[in-house]
Amino acid sequence: MTTFKYFSKVLLTYFATVVFLGLTAIFIFLFGSYHIIDNMRQGQEKPTALVQTIVSHGQLQLSTKIKKL
């Protein structure tokens, strides 16, 4: 019984740590991407090739959807 309590505490601590680190990583990613987009709006930062590709692909899909309407 004591080993079960010990392992349940260990697992609970492990999952709490994983969840905390995951939420922290998501927050850092969202906060960082917001700053990059904000700086790009102000003209301080040039978009990377990946961002340009994603944006142009999104605009292309949007324009084809509008043409179909």
Protein backbone atom coordinates (compact mmCIF):
# COMPACT_ATOMS: atom_id res chain seq x y z
CA MET A 1 0.00 0.00 0.00
CA THR A 2 2.81 2.40 0.82
CA THR A 3 4.49 1.73 -2.52
CA PHE A 4 1.21 2.59 -4.27
CA LYS A 5 1.03 5.91 -2.39
CA TYR A 6 4.66 6.62 -3.23
CA PHE A 7 4.20 5.89 -6.95
CA SER A 8 0.97 7.89 -7.10
CA LYS A 9 2.80 10.90 -5.61
CA VAL A 10 5.65 10.45 -8.08
CA LEU A 11 3.24 10.19 -11.02
CA LEU A 12 1.23 13.18 -9.84
CA THR A 13 4.39 15.26 -9.52
CA TYR A 14 5.56 14.09 -12.94
CA PHE A 15 2.28 14.97 -14.67
CA ALA A 16 2.07 18.32 -12.88
CA THR A 17 5.59 19.14 -14.07
CA VAL A 18 4.81 18.09 -17.64
CA VAL A 19 1.62 20.16 -17.70
CA PHE A 20 3.40 23.19 -16.21
CA LEU A 21 6.26 23.00 -18.71
CA GLY A 22 3.84 22.51 -21.60
CA LEU A 23 1.77 25.55 -20.63
CA THR A 24 4.93 27.58 -20.16
CA ALA A 25 6.18 26.61 -23.62
CA ILE A 26 2.84 27.49 -25.22
CA PHE A 27 2.78 30.85 -23.44
CA ILE A 28 6.34 31.67 -24.53
CA PHE A 29 5.55 30.66 -28.12
CA LEU A 30 2.38 32.77 -28.28
CA PHE A 31 3.99 35.74 -26.55
CA GLY A 32 7.06 35.56 -28.81
CA SER A 33 5.06 35.23 -32.00
CA TYR A 34 2.88 38.18 -30.95
CA HIS A 35 5.98 40.34 -30.51
CA ILE A 36 7.36 39.26 -33.89
CA ILE A 37 4.06 40.09 -35.63
CA ASP A 38 3.82 43.42 -33.77
CA ASN A 39 7.37 44.34 -34.80
CA MET A 40 6.62 43.37 -38.40
CA ARG A 41 3.60 45.68 -38.37
CA GLN A 42 5.83 48.53 -37.23
CA GLY A 43 8.39 47.66 -39.89
CA GLN A 44 11.15 46.85 -37.42
CA GLU A 45 11.51 43.21 -38.27
CA LYS A 46 11.58 41.52 -41.64
CA PRO A 47 9.44 38.39 -41.92
CA THR A 48 11.29 35.13 -42.38
CA ALA A 49 10.84 33.03 -45.50
CA LEU A 50 8.63 30.57 -43.59
CA VAL A 51 6.31 33.35 -42.38
CA GLN A 52 6.16 34.82 -45.89
CA THR A 53 5.26 31.40 -47.32
CA ILE A 54 2.52 30.81 -44.75
CA VAL A 55 1.05 34.28 -45.26
CA SER A 56 1.14 34.09 -49.05
CA HIS A 57 -0.37 30.59 -49.00
CA GLY A 58 -3.18 31.83 -46.74
CA GLN A 59 -3.83 34.80 -49.04
CA LEU A 60 -3.86 32.50 -52.06
CA GLN A 61 -6.42 30.17 -50.45
CA LEU A 62 -8.54 33.15 -49.40
CA SER A 63 -8.51 34.65 -52.89
CA THR A 64 -9.48 31.35 -54.51
CA LYS A 65 -12.38 30.96 -52.03
CA ILE A 66 -13.58 34.48 -52.83
CA LYS A 67 -13.38 33.78 -56.57
CA LYS A 68 -15.50 30.64 -56.13
CA LEU A 69 -18.21 32.68 -54.41
